[in-house]
C-alpha atoms as a PDB file:
ATOM      1  CA  MET A   1     -19.835 -45.482  -5.447  1.00  0.00           C
ATOM      2  CA  SER A   2     -16.463 -44.517  -5.376  1.00  0.00           C
ATOM      3  CA  THR A   3     -17.128 -41.991  -8.474  1.00  0.00           C
ATOM      4  CA  LEU A   4     -19.858 -40.436  -6.455  1.00  0.00           C
ATOM      5  CA  ALA A   5     -17.501 -40.177  -3.498  1.00  0.00           C
ATOM      6  CA  LEU A   6     -14.878 -38.550  -5.850  1.00  0.00           C
ATOM      7  CA  LEU A   7     -17.522 -35.930  -7.331  1.00  0.00           C
ATOM      8  CA  LEU A   8     -18.679 -34.895  -4.220  1.00  0.00           C
ATOM      9  CA  ILE A   9     -15.168 -34.116  -2.694  1.00  0.00           C
ATOM     10  CA  GLN A  10     -14.538 -32.358  -5.806  1.00  0.00           C
ATOM     11  CA  HIS A  11     -17.519 -30.208  -5.394  1.00  0.00           C
ATOM     12  CA  LEU A  12     -16.916 -29.494  -1.867  1.00  0.00           C
ATOM     13  CA  ASN A  13     -13.449 -28.779  -2.792  1.00  0.00           C
ATOM     14  CA  ALA A  14     -14.731 -26.076  -5.624  1.00  0.00           C
ATOM     15  CA  LEU A  15     -17.460 -24.914  -3.239  1.00  0.00           C
ATOM     16  CA  GLN A  16     -14.784 -24.293  -0.152  1.00  0.00           C
ATOM     17  CA  GLU A  17     -12.493 -22.532  -2.860  1.00  0.00           C
ATOM     18  CA  LYS A  18     -15.192 -20.214  -3.843  1.00  0.00           C
ATOM     19  CA  LEU A  19     -16.305 -19.496  -0.536  1.00  0.00           C
ATOM     20  CA  TYR A  20     -12.655 -18.413   0.464  1.00  0.00           C
ATOM     21  CA  THR A  21     -12.568 -16.225  -2.575  1.00  0.00           C
ATOM     22  CA  GLN A  22     -15.647 -14.380  -1.454  1.00  0.00           C
ATOM     23  CA  ALA A  23     -14.289 -14.079   1.860  1.00  0.00           C
ATOM     24  CA  THR A  24     -11.150 -12.606   0.854  1.00  0.00           C
ATOM     25  CA  THR A  25     -12.185 -10.305  -1.994  1.00  0.00           C
ATOM     26  CA  ASP A  26     -13.482  -6.710  -1.512  1.00  0.00           C
ATOM     27  CA  GLN A  27     -16.921  -6.569  -3.546  1.00  0.00           C
ATOM     28  CA  LEU A  28     -16.404  -3.085  -4.718  1.00  0.00           C
ATOM     29  CA  THR A  29     -13.185  -3.200  -6.307  1.00  0.00           C
ATOM     30  CA  GLN A  30     -12.583  -6.809  -6.798  1.00  0.00           C
ATOM     31  CA  LEU A  31      -9.147  -6.581  -5.052  1.00  0.00           C
ATOM     32  CA  PRO A  32      -8.405  -8.824  -2.257  1.00  0.00           C
ATOM     33  CA  ASN A  33      -9.663  -7.450   0.973  1.00  0.00           C
ATOM     34  CA  ARG A  34      -7.719  -6.797   4.589  1.00  0.00           C
ATOM     35  CA  ARG A  35      -8.168 -10.399   5.679  1.00  0.00           C
ATOM     36  CA  TRP A  36      -6.492 -11.926   2.579  1.00  0.00           C
ATOM     37  CA  PHE A  37      -3.586  -9.106   2.974  1.00  0.00           C
ATOM     38  CA  LEU A  38      -2.760  -9.797   6.534  1.00  0.00           C
ATOM     39  CA  GLU A  39      -2.973 -13.556   5.527  1.00  0.00           C
ATOM     40  CA  GLN A  40      -0.030 -12.593   3.093  1.00  0.00           C
ATOM     41  CA  CYS A  41       1.977 -10.836   5.704  1.00  0.00           C
ATOM     42  CA  PRO A  42       4.414 -12.729   7.627  1.00  0.00           C
ATOM     43  CA  PRO A  43       4.543 -11.768  11.437  1.00  0.00           C
ATOM     44  CA  GLU A  44       8.088 -10.517  10.999  1.00  0.00           C
ATOM     45  CA  LEU A  45       8.777  -8.830   7.508  1.00  0.00           C
ATOM     46  CA  ARG A  46      12.563  -9.892   6.350  1.00  0.00           C
ATOM     47  CA  GLN A  47      15.186  -8.101   4.686  1.00  0.00           C
ATOM     48  CA  GLY A  48      14.276  -7.184   0.900  1.00  0.00           C
ATOM     49  CA  MET A  49      10.572  -6.925   1.738  1.00  0.00           C
ATOM     50  CA  ILE A  50       9.024  -3.370   0.907  1.00  0.00           C
ATOM     51  CA  MET A  51       5.632  -2.434   2.698  1.00  0.00           C
ATOM     52  CA  VAL A  52       3.420   0.234   0.915  1.00  0.00           C
ATOM     53  CA  LEU A  53       0.305   1.644   2.733  1.00  0.00           C
ATOM     54  CA  LEU A  54      -1.849   4.285   0.306  1.00  0.00           C
ATOM     55  CA  ASP A  55      -4.570   6.506   1.072  1.00  0.00           C
ATOM     56  CA  LEU A  56      -6.801   8.283  -1.518  1.00  0.00           C
ATOM     57  CA  ASP A  57      -6.350  12.175  -1.203  1.00  0.00           C
ATOM     58  CA  HIS A  58      -9.396  14.119  -0.042  1.00  0.00           C
ATOM     59  CA  PHE A  59     -11.828  11.496  -0.183  1.00  0.00           C
ATOM     60  CA  LYS A  60     -14.323  12.700   2.351  1.00  0.00           C
ATOM     61  CA  ALA A  61     -14.417  15.769   0.263  1.00  0.00           C
ATOM     62  CA  ILE A  62     -15.386  13.809  -3.022  1.00  0.00           C
ATOM     63  CA  ASN A  63     -18.113  11.689  -1.337  1.00  0.00           C
ATOM     64  CA  ASP A  64     -19.369  15.012   0.496  1.00  0.00           C
ATOM     65  CA  THR A  65     -19.451  17.150  -2.866  1.00  0.00           C
ATOM     66  CA  HIS A  66     -20.390  14.390  -5.247  1.00  0.00           C
ATOM     67  CA  GLY A  67     -21.776  11.822  -3.579  1.00  0.00           C
ATOM     68  CA  HIS A  68     -20.958   8.165  -2.278  1.00  0.00           C
ATOM     69  CA  ASP A  69     -21.790   6.755  -5.771  1.00  0.00           C
ATOM     70  CA  THR A  70     -18.786   8.958  -7.026  1.00  0.00           C
ATOM     71  CA  GLY A  71     -16.819   7.967  -4.215  1.00  0.00           C
ATOM     72  CA  ASP A  72     -17.371   4.170  -5.360  1.00  0.00           C
ATOM     73  CA  ALA A  73     -16.446   5.221  -8.788  1.00  0.00           C
ATOM     74  CA  CYS A  74     -13.137   6.493  -7.487  1.00  0.00           C
ATOM     75  CA  LEU A  75     -12.439   3.614  -5.652  1.00  0.00           C
ATOM     76  CA  ILE A  76     -13.166   1.355  -8.597  1.00  0.00           C
ATOM     77  CA  ALA A  77     -10.842   3.592 -10.782  1.00  0.00           C
ATOM     78  CA  ILE A  78      -8.154   3.847  -8.764  1.00  0.00           C
ATOM     79  CA  SER A  79      -8.096  -0.124  -8.249  1.00  0.00           C
ATOM     80  CA  ASP A  80      -8.129  -0.340 -12.065  1.00  0.00           C
ATOM     81  CA  HIS A  81      -5.201   1.924 -12.164  1.00  0.00           C
ATOM     82  CA  PHE A  82      -3.397  -0.020  -9.576  1.00  0.00           C
ATOM     83  CA  ARG A  83      -3.814  -2.930 -11.695  1.00  0.00           C
ATOM     84  CA  ALA A  84      -2.577  -1.021 -14.986  1.00  0.00           C
ATOM     85  CA  VAL A  85       0.480  -0.218 -13.290  1.00  0.00           C
ATOM     86  CA  LEU A  86       1.586  -3.019 -10.994  1.00  0.00           C
ATOM     87  CA  PRO A  87       2.585  -6.395 -12.060  1.00  0.00           C
ATOM     88  CA  GLU A  88      -0.210  -8.923 -12.374  1.00  0.00           C
ATOM     89  CA  ASP A  89       1.183 -11.039  -9.148  1.00  0.00           C
ATOM     90  CA  THR A  90       1.407  -8.116  -6.988  1.00  0.00           C
ATOM     91  CA  GLN A  91       0.096  -8.536  -3.346  1.00  0.00           C
ATOM     92  CA  CYS A  92      -2.085  -5.478  -3.321  1.00  0.00           C
ATOM     93  CA  ALA A  93      -5.363  -5.036  -1.250  1.00  0.00           C
ATOM     94  CA  ARG A  94      -7.919  -2.690  -0.082  1.00  0.00           C
ATOM     95  CA  LEU A  95      -7.689  -2.625   3.754  1.00  0.00           C
ATOM     96  CA  GLY A  96     -10.705  -0.720   3.960  1.00  0.00           C
ATOM     97  CA  GLY A  97     -12.424   2.748   3.243  1.00  0.00           C
ATOM     98  CA  GLU A  98     -10.130   4.484   1.142  1.00  0.00           C
ATOM     99  CA  GLU A  99      -6.774   2.606   2.192  1.00  0.00           C
ATOM    100  CA  PHE A 100      -5.077   0.092   0.122  1.00  0.00           C
ATOM    101  CA  GLY A 101      -1.839  -2.077   0.979  1.00  0.00           C
ATOM    102  CA  ILE A 102       0.788  -3.711  -1.024  1.00  0.00           C
ATOM    103  CA  LEU A 103       3.633  -6.187   0.199  1.00  0.00           C
ATOM    104  CA  PHE A 104       6.631  -6.561  -2.180  1.00  0.00           C
ATOM    105  CA  LYS A 105       8.481  -9.702  -1.297  1.00  0.00           C
ATOM    106  CA  GLN A 106      11.263  -9.557  -4.193  1.00  0.00           C
ATOM    107  CA  THR A 107      11.351  -6.334  -5.876  1.00  0.00           C
ATOM    108  CA  SER A 108      13.875  -3.723  -6.083  1.00  0.00           C
ATOM    109  CA  LEU A 109      13.082  -0.119  -4.176  1.00  0.00           C
ATOM    110  CA  PRO A 110      13.831   1.775  -7.558  1.00  0.00           C
ATOM    111  CA  GLN A 111      11.118  -0.078  -9.192  1.00  0.00           C
ATOM    112  CA  VAL A 112       8.669   0.093  -6.263  1.00  0.00           C
ATOM    113  CA  GLN A 113       9.170   3.962  -6.127  1.00  0.00           C
ATOM    114  CA  ASP A 114       8.607   4.146  -9.932  1.00  0.00           C
ATOM    115  CA  TRP A 115       5.520   2.174  -9.713  1.00  0.00           C
ATOM    116  CA  ILE A 116       4.083   4.067  -6.600  1.00  0.00           C
ATOM    117  CA  GLY A 117       5.000   7.407  -8.244  1.00  0.00           C
ATOM    118  CA  LYS A 118       2.778   6.602 -10.963  1.00  0.00           C
ATOM    119  CA  ILE A 119       0.131   5.511  -8.829  1.00  0.00           C
ATOM    120  CA  CYS A 120       0.202   8.771  -6.784  1.00  0.00           C
ATOM    121  CA  GLN A 121      -0.325  10.642  -9.708  1.00  0.00           C
ATOM    122  CA  GLY A 122      -3.832   9.139  -9.804  1.00  0.00           C
ATOM    123  CA  VAL A 123      -6.786   9.338 -12.261  1.00  0.00           C
ATOM    124  CA  GLN A 124      -9.531  11.644 -13.377  1.00  0.00           C
ATOM    125  CA  VAL A 125     -13.264  10.283 -12.876  1.00  0.00           C
ATOM    126  CA  SER A 126     -16.109  11.744 -14.654  1.00  0.00           C
ATOM    127  CA  VAL A 127     -18.818  13.144 -12.233  1.00  0.00           C
ATOM    128  CA  GLY A 128     -21.418  13.821 -14.674  1.00  0.00           C
ATOM    129  CA  GLY A 129     -21.338  15.848 -18.373  1.00  0.00           C
ATOM    130  CA  ASP A 130     -17.857  16.870 -19.028  1.00  0.00           C
ATOM    131  CA  GLU A 131     -16.768  17.269 -15.252  1.00  0.00           C
ATOM    132  CA  LYS A 132     -14.126  15.331 -13.827  1.00  0.00           C
ATOM    133  CA  VAL A 133     -12.460  14.783 -10.444  1.00  0.00           C
ATOM    134  CA  ALA A 134      -8.703  14.201 -10.084  1.00  0.00           C
ATOM    135  CA  VAL A 135      -8.275  11.262  -7.823  1.00  0.00           C
ATOM    136  CA  THR A 136      -4.639  11.221  -6.330  1.00  0.00           C
ATOM    137  CA  VAL A 137      -2.968   8.906  -3.868  1.00  0.00           C
ATOM    138  CA  SER A 138      -0.401   9.532  -1.056  1.00  0.00           C
ATOM    139  CA  ALA A 139       1.407   6.594   0.061  1.00  0.00           C
ATOM    140  CA  GLY A 140       4.138   5.584   2.490  1.00  0.00           C
ATOM    141  CA  ILE A 141       6.894   3.174   1.659  1.00  0.00           C
ATOM    142  CA  LEU A 142       8.995   1.021   3.937  1.00  0.00           C
ATOM    143  CA  ALA A 143      11.882  -0.956   2.539  1.00  0.00           C
ATOM    144  CA  VAL A 144      12.966  -3.566   5.372  1.00  0.00           C
ATOM    145  CA  ASP A 145      16.362  -3.863   5.849  1.00  0.00           C
ATOM    146  CA  GLY A 146      16.618  -6.158   8.958  1.00  0.00           C
ATOM    147  CA  GLY A 147      13.774  -7.804  10.788  1.00  0.00           C
ATOM    148  CA  VAL A 148      10.575  -6.071  11.716  1.00  0.00           C
ATOM    149  CA  THR A 149       7.595  -6.938  12.860  1.00  0.00           C
ATOM    150  CA  MET A 150       4.126  -6.603  10.814  1.00  0.00           C
ATOM    151  CA  ARG A 151       2.522  -4.312  13.410  1.00  0.00           C
ATOM    152  CA  ARG A 152       5.902  -2.214  13.521  1.00  0.00           C
ATOM    153  CA  ALA A 153       6.019  -1.989   9.406  1.00  0.00           C
ATOM    154  CA  PHE A 154       2.256  -0.779   9.338  1.00  0.00           C
ATOM    155  CA  GLN A 155       3.044   1.995  11.851  1.00  0.00           C
ATOM    156  CA  LEU A 156       6.091   3.208   9.914  1.00  0.00           C
ATOM    157  CA  ALA A 157       4.237   3.056   6.533  1.00  0.00           C
ATOM    158  CA  ASP A 158       1.139   4.972   7.965  1.00  0.00           C
ATOM    159  CA  ALA A 159       3.563   7.636   9.439  1.00  0.00           C
ATOM    160  CA  ALA A 160       5.153   8.045   6.169  1.00  0.00           C
ATOM    161  CA  MET A 161       2.066   7.993   4.200  1.00  0.00           C
ATOM    162  CA  TYR A 162       0.727  10.723   6.594  1.00  0.00           C
ATOM    163  CA  ASP A 163       4.199  12.523   6.146  1.00  0.00           C
ATOM    164  CA  ALA A 164       3.254  12.591   2.217  1.00  0.00           C
ATOM    165  CA  LYS A 165       0.045  13.915   2.878  1.00  0.00           C
ATOM    166  CA  ALA A 166       1.678  16.827   5.091  1.00  0.00           C
ATOM    167  CA  ALA A 167       4.187  17.263   2.162  1.00  0.00           C
ATOM    168  CA  GLY A 168       1.356  18.061  -0.471  1.00  0.00           C
ATOM    169  CA  ARG A 169      -0.398  14.781  -1.196  1.00  0.00           C
ATOM    170  CA  SER A 170      -0.062  13.116  -4.853  1.00  0.00           C
ATOM    171  CA  ARG A 171       3.208  11.748  -3.582  1.00  0.00           C
ATOM    172  CA  PHE A 172       5.118   8.915  -1.451  1.00  0.00           C
ATOM    173  CA  ALA A 173       7.437   9.385   1.262  1.00  0.00           C
ATOM    174  CA  MET A 174       9.856   6.994   2.576  1.00  0.00           C
ATOM    175  CA  ALA A 175       9.734   5.452   6.191  1.00  0.00           C
ATOM    176  CA  HIS A 176      12.805   4.387   8.240  1.00  0.00           C
ATOM    177  CA  ILE A 177      13.057   1.484  10.653  1.00  0.00           C
ATOM    178  CA  GLY A 178      14.831   3.254  12.913  1.00  0.00           C
ATOM    179  CA  ASP A 179      12.085   6.288  13.222  1.00  0.00           C
ATOM    180  CA  VAL A 180      11.273   6.911  17.138  1.00  0.00           C
ATOM    181  CA  ASN A 181       8.655   9.178  16.481  1.00  0.00           C
ATOM    182  CA  VAL A 182       6.204   6.375  15.846  1.00  0.00           C
ATOM    183  CA  SER A 183       4.661   5.253  18.974  1.00  0.00           C
ATOM    184  CA  ARG A 184       1.164   4.538  17.662  1.00  0.00           C
ATOM    185  CA  PRO A 185      -0.391   4.625  14.277  1.00  0.00           C
ATOM    186  CA  ARG A 186      -1.428   7.765  13.123  1.00  0.00           C
ATOM    187  CA  HIS A 187      -4.795   6.900  11.129  1.00  0.00           C
ATOM    188  CA  ALA A 188      -7.784   4.447  12.989  1.00  0.00           C
ATOM    189  CA  GLY A 189      -7.957   2.606   9.749  1.00  0.00           C
ATOM    190  CA  VAL A 190      -4.494   1.069   9.801  1.00  0.00           C
ATOM    191  CA  ARG A 191      -4.981   0.658  13.527  1.00  0.00           C
ATOM    192  CA  ASP A 192      -8.281  -1.442  12.947  1.00  0.00           C
ATOM    193  CA  ALA A 193      -6.017  -3.399   9.966  1.00  0.00           C
ATOM    194  CA  ILE A 194      -3.615  -5.164  12.411  1.00  0.00           C
ATOM    195  CA  ALA A 195      -5.554  -5.035  15.604  1.00  0.00           C
END
């Protein structure tokens, strides 16, 4: 009887782990999802942590021009690009739509800038025949040099990401905790992510 109970407990534990993985994984890209990412973020980011928010450039135009199947292929390709560039244990997630987040807890800023610079260059995705579309990324990087709430970190990294877009896309911009012009997120998706 005790062996049967033990087997039942093991089965229930495995089922619970499977359900949690399904609930915290983005089905399209197989990256962790927003729920998982927010669980990994402490309420207050400590010195040495680096928050990065990333957004695909001209994604709506890709969907409108080539269709949503191509848009999905672009999301999968850029997610594979993240995996190829970043270390295996990096906390990277799809926050929703074409938005992604990364939290580095013990990595130097120059190393993060190198990785994110490579990611921003993007990938080429086939859209049929010999035609390809360039999928690039804009990113905002916040290197925490003192305590900052997760909500404020999202706001600052989001604002820097849009600075990168305004500067020409396919690049990153640095956020600074002292920025005073960020009273609200500049993108609905990020606001939704932290609501």
